[in-house]
Every structure is written in C-alpha cells, then in structure tokens.
Amino acid sequence: MKDITKAFELVGADLVVTEIQSKAKDITIRGQFQLSKFDYLTKEQQYFIEVFIKNQGNIKQIEKELGISYPTVKKNLEDVSLALGYKVEKEKDDDKRIEIFEKIRNGELTIEDAEVLLKKLK
C-alpha cells in the first residue's frame, strides 16, 4: 500500500484490502478489509493530522513544530477536511483577517493600521 491515494484516484471507487502480510512474511491474513477515510489521505496529510492531534489543535504549537505560518496551518486543515469528504465553509473575511495578522507578525503593518483594516471588515 505504497500510495493508496493515487491508486484510489485511478480506480475511482472504494478499495478493499484482501491480504495483510507481516514484514517478516511469515504471517499472511486474507479476507476483505475496509479502509478508513484516513487511509486515503496522502502521507503529508496523515503527518499533519498526527501533529495536529499531538498538539491538541494548538495552532501556535503546530506552526512551531512544522515551521509553517498560521495561514498554512489553516490551509492544511482545510485540505485534510476536504479530503475526508467534509464541506469547508469559510467566512469571506477570514482570509483577510489572517493576512492582516500575518502582516503584523512580519512587521509589514502597524497595530493602528491593522485596527483600521479590521474595523472595515465588520
């Protein structure tokens, strides 16, 4: 099961595992085993979920561990939610707020200027 996601895309239907074998290859179990939604995620998405759970959803800790920004954490979470089959509803102003906070963090925007921009979003 190297890259189950690519195989799934090609088949276009739910896959069923029919054989499981130990690494030592001394035990083989045959049958029909249903895959979970998480099995269809890419390795990167699975790792992101692992880090998300490990950090109990604390975005600051996730940012630090993965070395990514808040918008990237949110985008990864959105991508995983979509891959799991959930509809992601975003408020239109969310992206603008995130961008404003990132600009403050990067020193590209003063608190006062950000305050003006945020008030316009309400």
N, C-alpha and C. Protein backbone atom coordinates (compact mmCIF):
# COMPACT_ATOMS: atom_id res chain seq x y z
N MET A 1 0.83 -1.19 0.00
CA MET A 1 0.00 0.00 0.00
C MET A 1 0.87 1.25 0.00
N LYS A 2 1.73 1.36 -1.01
CA LYS A 2 2.67 2.48 -1.09
C LYS A 2 1.94 3.82 -1.17
N ASP A 3 1.17 4.03 -2.20
CA ASP A 3 0.45 5.30 -2.34
C ASP A 3 -0.99 5.00 -2.68
N ILE A 4 -1.76 4.71 -1.67
CA ILE A 4 -3.15 4.28 -1.84
C ILE A 4 -4.00 5.38 -2.46
N THR A 5 -3.62 6.64 -2.21
CA THR A 5 -4.40 7.75 -2.75
C THR A 5 -4.37 7.75 -4.27
N LYS A 6 -3.20 7.57 -4.86
CA LYS A 6 -3.09 7.55 -6.32
C LYS A 6 -3.85 6.37 -6.90
N ALA A 7 -3.76 5.22 -6.25
CA ALA A 7 -4.50 4.04 -6.72
C ALA A 7 -5.99 4.30 -6.65
N PHE A 8 -6.43 4.92 -5.58
CA PHE A 8 -7.85 5.22 -5.41
C PHE A 8 -8.34 6.14 -6.52
N GLU A 9 -7.53 7.15 -6.86
CA GLU A 9 -7.91 8.09 -7.93
C GLU A 9 -8.07 7.35 -9.26
N LEU A 10 -7.20 6.38 -9.50
CA LEU A 10 -7.26 5.63 -10.75
C LEU A 10 -8.47 4.70 -10.80
N VAL A 11 -8.75 4.06 -9.67
CA VAL A 11 -9.85 3.10 -9.63
C VAL A 11 -11.20 3.82 -9.60
N GLY A 12 -11.26 4.91 -8.85
CA GLY A 12 -12.48 5.69 -8.80
C GLY A 12 -13.56 5.08 -7.92
N ALA A 13 -13.22 4.13 -7.09
CA ALA A 13 -14.19 3.51 -6.18
C ALA A 13 -13.45 3.10 -4.92
N ASP A 14 -14.20 2.75 -3.90
CA ASP A 14 -13.57 2.31 -2.66
C ASP A 14 -12.75 1.06 -2.90
N LEU A 15 -11.55 1.07 -2.36
CA LEU A 15 -10.68 -0.08 -2.47
C LEU A 15 -10.92 -1.00 -1.28
N VAL A 16 -10.65 -2.28 -1.48
CA VAL A 16 -10.76 -3.26 -0.41
C VAL A 16 -9.43 -3.99 -0.33
N VAL A 17 -8.86 -4.03 0.86
CA VAL A 17 -7.63 -4.78 1.07
C VAL A 17 -8.01 -6.24 1.24
N THR A 18 -7.35 -7.11 0.50
CA THR A 18 -7.69 -8.53 0.57
C THR A 18 -6.60 -9.37 1.21
N GLU A 19 -5.44 -8.76 1.48
CA GLU A 19 -4.37 -9.53 2.10
C GLU A 19 -3.48 -8.61 2.93
N ILE A 20 -3.15 -9.08 4.12
CA ILE A 20 -2.24 -8.37 5.00
C ILE A 20 -1.12 -9.34 5.33
N GLN A 21 0.13 -8.85 5.21
CA GLN A 21 1.27 -9.72 5.45
C GLN A 21 2.23 -9.04 6.42
N SER A 22 2.80 -9.83 7.34
CA SER A 22 3.77 -9.28 8.27
C SER A 22 5.06 -8.93 7.53
N LYS A 23 5.84 -8.03 8.10
CA LYS A 23 7.09 -7.63 7.45
C LYS A 23 8.02 -8.82 7.27
N ALA A 24 8.00 -9.74 8.22
CA ALA A 24 8.86 -10.93 8.12
C ALA A 24 8.29 -11.93 7.11
N LYS A 25 7.07 -11.68 6.64
CA LYS A 25 6.38 -12.51 5.64
C LYS A 25 6.10 -13.94 6.12
N ASP A 26 6.08 -14.10 7.44
CA ASP A 26 5.76 -15.43 7.94
C ASP A 26 4.29 -15.57 8.34
N ILE A 27 3.56 -14.44 8.30
CA ILE A 27 2.13 -14.48 8.60
C ILE A 27 1.39 -13.72 7.50
N THR A 28 0.38 -14.36 6.92
CA THR A 28 -0.47 -13.72 5.92
C THR A 28 -1.92 -13.92 6.33
N ILE A 29 -2.68 -12.83 6.31
CA ILE A 29 -4.10 -12.89 6.62
C ILE A 29 -4.86 -12.47 5.38
N ARG A 30 -5.79 -13.30 4.94
CA ARG A 30 -6.59 -12.99 3.75
C ARG A 30 -8.04 -12.76 4.17
N GLY A 31 -8.68 -11.88 3.46
CA GLY A 31 -10.08 -11.56 3.74
C GLY A 31 -10.42 -10.28 3.00
N GLN A 32 -11.46 -9.60 3.47
CA GLN A 32 -11.82 -8.30 2.91
C GLN A 32 -11.82 -7.30 4.04
N PHE A 33 -10.91 -6.33 3.95
CA PHE A 33 -10.73 -5.35 4.99
C PHE A 33 -11.03 -3.97 4.43
N GLN A 34 -11.97 -3.28 5.03
CA GLN A 34 -12.37 -1.95 4.58
C GLN A 34 -11.35 -0.92 5.06
N LEU A 35 -10.97 -0.03 4.20
CA LEU A 35 -10.06 1.05 4.55
C LEU A 35 -10.85 2.20 5.18
N SER A 36 -10.21 2.93 6.06
CA SER A 36 -10.85 4.11 6.65
C SER A 36 -10.62 5.33 5.77
N LYS A 37 -11.32 6.39 6.05
CA LYS A 37 -11.12 7.65 5.31
C LYS A 37 -9.67 8.11 5.40
N PHE A 38 -9.05 7.86 6.54
CA PHE A 38 -7.68 8.33 6.77
C PHE A 38 -6.66 7.60 5.90
N ASP A 39 -7.00 6.38 5.47
CA ASP A 39 -6.10 5.63 4.59
C ASP A 39 -5.98 6.28 3.21
N TYR A 40 -6.95 7.07 2.84
CA TYR A 40 -6.94 7.72 1.53
C TYR A 40 -6.20 9.06 1.53
N LEU A 41 -5.79 9.53 2.72
CA LEU A 41 -5.03 10.77 2.80
C LEU A 41 -3.60 10.53 2.34
N THR A 42 -2.96 11.58 1.85
CA THR A 42 -1.54 11.47 1.48
C THR A 42 -0.72 11.33 2.77
N LYS A 43 0.51 10.90 2.62
CA LYS A 43 1.41 10.78 3.79
C LYS A 43 1.56 12.13 4.48
N GLU A 44 1.64 13.21 3.70
CA GLU A 44 1.79 14.55 4.27
C GLU A 44 0.56 14.94 5.08
N GLN A 45 -0.62 14.62 4.56
CA GLN A 45 -1.86 14.92 5.27
C GLN A 45 -1.96 14.09 6.56
N GLN A 46 -1.56 12.84 6.50
CA GLN A 46 -1.58 11.98 7.68
C GLN A 46 -0.63 12.53 8.75
N TYR A 47 0.54 12.98 8.32
CA TYR A 47 1.51 13.54 9.26
C TYR A 47 0.97 14.82 9.88
N PHE A 48 0.33 15.66 9.07
CA PHE A 48 -0.25 16.90 9.59
C PHE A 48 -1.29 16.57 10.66
N ILE A 49 -2.15 15.59 10.41
CA ILE A 49 -3.17 15.20 11.39
C ILE A 49 -2.51 14.69 12.67
N GLU A 50 -1.43 13.92 12.51
CA GLU A 50 -0.71 13.41 13.68
C GLU A 50 -0.18 14.57 14.53
N VAL A 51 0.44 15.55 13.87
CA VAL A 51 0.98 16.71 14.58
C VAL A 51 -0.16 17.52 15.20
N PHE A 52 -1.27 17.66 14.49
CA PHE A 52 -2.44 18.39 14.98
C PHE A 52 -2.96 17.75 16.27
N ILE A 53 -3.11 16.44 16.26
CA ILE A 53 -3.62 15.73 17.43
C ILE A 53 -2.61 15.79 18.58
N LYS A 54 -1.34 15.57 18.26
CA LYS A 54 -0.28 15.61 19.28
C LYS A 54 -0.29 16.94 20.02
N ASN A 55 -0.53 18.02 19.28
CA ASN A 55 -0.54 19.36 19.85
C ASN A 55 -1.94 19.81 20.27
N GLN A 56 -2.87 18.88 20.27
CA GLN A 56 -4.26 19.12 20.70
C GLN A 56 -4.88 20.33 20.02
N GLY A 57 -4.56 20.51 18.73
CA GLY A 57 -5.16 21.59 17.96
C GLY A 57 -4.59 22.96 18.24
N ASN A 58 -3.55 23.06 19.06
CA ASN A 58 -2.94 24.35 19.37
C ASN A 58 -2.14 24.83 18.15
N ILE A 59 -2.70 25.80 17.45
CA ILE A 59 -2.13 26.23 16.18
C ILE A 59 -0.73 26.82 16.36
N LYS A 60 -0.50 27.54 17.45
CA LYS A 60 0.84 28.09 17.70
C LYS A 60 1.88 26.97 17.77
N GLN A 61 1.55 25.89 18.49
CA GLN A 61 2.49 24.77 18.62
C GLN A 61 2.67 24.05 17.28
N ILE A 62 1.60 23.94 16.51
CA ILE A 62 1.67 23.30 15.19
C ILE A 62 2.56 24.13 14.27
N GLU A 63 2.37 25.45 14.29
CA GLU A 63 3.22 26.35 13.49
C GLU A 63 4.69 26.12 13.82
N LYS A 64 4.98 26.08 15.12
CA LYS A 64 6.36 25.94 15.58
C LYS A 64 6.95 24.59 15.18
N GLU A 65 6.20 23.51 15.42
CA GLU A 65 6.71 22.18 15.11
C GLU A 65 6.94 21.96 13.63
N LEU A 66 6.01 22.45 12.80
CA LEU A 66 6.13 22.23 11.36
C LEU A 66 6.89 23.35 10.65
N GLY A 67 7.14 24.45 11.35
CA GLY A 67 7.85 25.57 10.74
C GLY A 67 7.04 26.24 9.65
N ILE A 68 5.72 26.35 9.87
CA ILE A 68 4.84 26.96 8.88
C ILE A 68 4.03 28.07 9.54
N SER A 69 3.43 28.92 8.72
CA SER A 69 2.66 30.06 9.22
C SER A 69 1.22 29.66 9.53
N TYR A 70 0.54 30.54 10.23
CA TYR A 70 -0.87 30.33 10.59
C TYR A 70 -1.74 30.05 9.35
N PRO A 71 -1.61 30.86 8.30
CA PRO A 71 -2.43 30.58 7.11
C PRO A 71 -2.15 29.20 6.51
N THR A 72 -0.90 28.76 6.59
CA THR A 72 -0.56 27.44 6.05
C THR A 72 -1.17 26.33 6.90
N VAL A 73 -1.17 26.51 8.22
CA VAL A 73 -1.83 25.53 9.11
C VAL A 73 -3.31 25.46 8.75
N LYS A 74 -3.95 26.61 8.62
CA LYS A 74 -5.38 26.65 8.28
C LYS A 74 -5.64 26.00 6.92
N LYS A 75 -4.78 26.27 5.95
CA LYS A 75 -4.93 25.69 4.60
C LYS A 75 -4.77 24.17 4.65
N ASN A 76 -3.77 23.69 5.40
CA ASN A 76 -3.58 22.25 5.54
C ASN A 76 -4.79 21.59 6.19
N LEU A 77 -5.33 22.24 7.21
CA LEU A 77 -6.51 21.70 7.89
C LEU A 77 -7.70 21.66 6.94
N GLU A 78 -7.86 22.71 6.15
CA GLU A 78 -8.93 22.76 5.16
C GLU A 78 -8.77 21.64 4.12
N ASP A 79 -7.53 21.45 3.64
CA ASP A 79 -7.26 20.41 2.65
C ASP A 79 -7.60 19.02 3.19
N VAL A 80 -7.21 18.76 4.44
CA VAL A 80 -7.50 17.46 5.06
C VAL A 80 -9.01 17.29 5.23
N SER A 81 -9.68 18.32 5.67
CA SER A 81 -11.14 18.24 5.84
C SER A 81 -11.83 17.92 4.52
N LEU A 82 -11.39 18.58 3.45
CA LEU A 82 -11.96 18.31 2.12
C LEU A 82 -11.65 16.88 1.68
N ALA A 83 -10.41 16.43 1.92
CA ALA A 83 -10.02 15.07 1.53
C ALA A 83 -10.82 14.01 2.28
N LEU A 84 -11.25 14.35 3.50
CA LEU A 84 -12.06 13.42 4.29
C LEU A 84 -13.54 13.48 3.90
N GLY A 85 -13.87 14.41 2.99
CA GLY A 85 -15.23 14.48 2.49
C GLY A 85 -16.12 15.49 3.18
N TYR A 86 -15.52 16.38 3.96
CA TYR A 86 -16.32 17.38 4.67
C TYR A 86 -16.34 18.68 3.88
N LYS A 87 -17.48 19.34 3.91
CA LYS A 87 -17.61 20.64 3.26
C LYS A 87 -17.01 21.68 4.18
N VAL A 88 -16.14 22.51 3.64
CA VAL A 88 -15.48 23.53 4.44
C VAL A 88 -16.11 24.87 4.11
N GLU A 89 -16.72 25.45 5.12
CA GLU A 89 -17.33 26.76 4.93
C GLU A 89 -16.45 27.79 5.60
N LYS A 90 -16.05 28.78 4.83
CA LYS A 90 -15.22 29.85 5.37
C LYS A 90 -15.99 31.15 5.28
N GLU A 91 -15.79 31.95 6.31
CA GLU A 91 -16.33 33.30 6.23
C GLU A 91 -15.46 34.07 5.25
N LYS A 92 -16.07 34.93 4.48
CA LYS A 92 -15.34 35.66 3.44
C LYS A 92 -14.20 36.49 4.02
N ASP A 93 -14.40 37.03 5.20
CA ASP A 93 -13.40 37.93 5.77
C ASP A 93 -12.29 37.19 6.50
N ASP A 94 -12.43 35.89 6.71
CA ASP A 94 -11.41 35.13 7.44
C ASP A 94 -10.03 35.26 6.81
N ASP A 95 -9.95 35.08 5.51
CA ASP A 95 -8.67 35.16 4.82
C ASP A 95 -8.05 36.55 4.96
N LYS A 96 -8.89 37.57 4.90
CA LYS A 96 -8.39 38.94 5.04
C LYS A 96 -7.85 39.18 6.44
N ARG A 97 -8.56 38.66 7.45
CA ARG A 97 -8.09 38.80 8.84
C ARG A 97 -6.75 38.09 9.02
N ILE A 98 -6.66 36.89 8.50
CA ILE A 98 -5.42 36.12 8.61
C ILE A 98 -4.27 36.87 7.96
N GLU A 99 -4.52 37.42 6.80
CA GLU A 99 -3.48 38.18 6.10
C GLU A 99 -3.04 39.40 6.91
N ILE A 100 -3.99 40.08 7.53
CA ILE A 100 -3.66 41.25 8.35
C ILE A 100 -2.79 40.84 9.53
N PHE A 101 -3.15 39.76 10.20
CA PHE A 101 -2.37 39.31 11.36
C PHE A 101 -0.98 38.84 10.95
N GLU A 102 -0.87 38.22 9.80
CA GLU A 102 0.44 37.81 9.29
C GLU A 102 1.31 39.04 9.00
N LYS A 103 0.71 40.08 8.44
CA LYS A 103 1.46 41.30 8.14
C LYS A 103 1.94 41.98 9.43
N ILE A 104 1.11 41.92 10.48
CA ILE A 104 1.54 42.46 11.78
C ILE A 104 2.73 41.66 12.28
N ARG A 105 2.61 40.33 12.23
CA ARG A 105 3.66 39.44 12.71
C ARG A 105 4.98 39.68 11.97
N ASN A 106 4.89 39.94 10.68
CA ASN A 106 6.09 40.14 9.86
C ASN A 106 6.60 41.57 9.89
N GLY A 107 5.92 42.44 10.64
CA GLY A 107 6.36 43.82 10.74
C GLY A 107 6.00 44.67 9.53
N GLU A 108 5.10 44.18 8.70
CA GLU A 108 4.71 44.89 7.49
C GLU A 108 3.54 45.85 7.73
N LEU A 109 2.94 45.77 8.93
CA LEU A 109 1.75 46.55 9.21
C LEU A 109 1.76 46.93 10.70
N THR A 110 1.41 48.17 10.99
CA THR A 110 1.35 48.60 12.40
C THR A 110 0.01 48.15 13.00
N ILE A 111 -0.02 48.12 14.31
CA ILE A 111 -1.26 47.77 15.02
C ILE A 111 -2.37 48.75 14.67
N GLU A 112 -2.02 50.01 14.59
CA GLU A 112 -3.01 51.04 14.29
C GLU A 112 -3.62 50.85 12.90
N ASP A 113 -2.75 50.59 11.92
CA ASP A 113 -3.23 50.36 10.55
C ASP A 113 -4.08 49.09 10.48
N ALA A 114 -3.67 48.08 11.22
CA ALA A 114 -4.42 46.82 11.25
C ALA A 114 -5.80 47.04 11.86
N GLU A 115 -5.84 47.84 12.90
CA GLU A 115 -7.12 48.14 13.56
C GLU A 115 -8.11 48.78 12.58
N VAL A 116 -7.62 49.70 11.78
CA VAL A 116 -8.45 50.37 10.77
C VAL A 116 -8.98 49.35 9.76
N LEU A 117 -8.08 48.49 9.29
CA LEU A 117 -8.47 47.48 8.30
C LEU A 117 -9.47 46.47 8.88
N LEU A 118 -9.26 46.07 10.13
CA LEU A 118 -10.16 45.10 10.76
C LEU A 118 -11.56 45.69 10.98
N LYS A 119 -11.61 46.97 11.33
CA LYS A 119 -12.91 47.61 11.52
C LYS A 119 -13.72 47.66 10.23
N LYS A 120 -13.03 47.79 9.12
CA LYS A 120 -13.71 47.81 7.81
C LYS A 120 -14.33 46.45 7.47
N LEU A 121 -13.80 45.37 8.05
CA LEU A 121 -14.31 44.03 7.75
C LEU A 121 -15.62 43.74 8.48
N LYS A 122 -15.90 44.44 9.54
CA LYS A 122 -17.12 44.14 10.33
C LYS A 122 -18.38 44.52 9.64
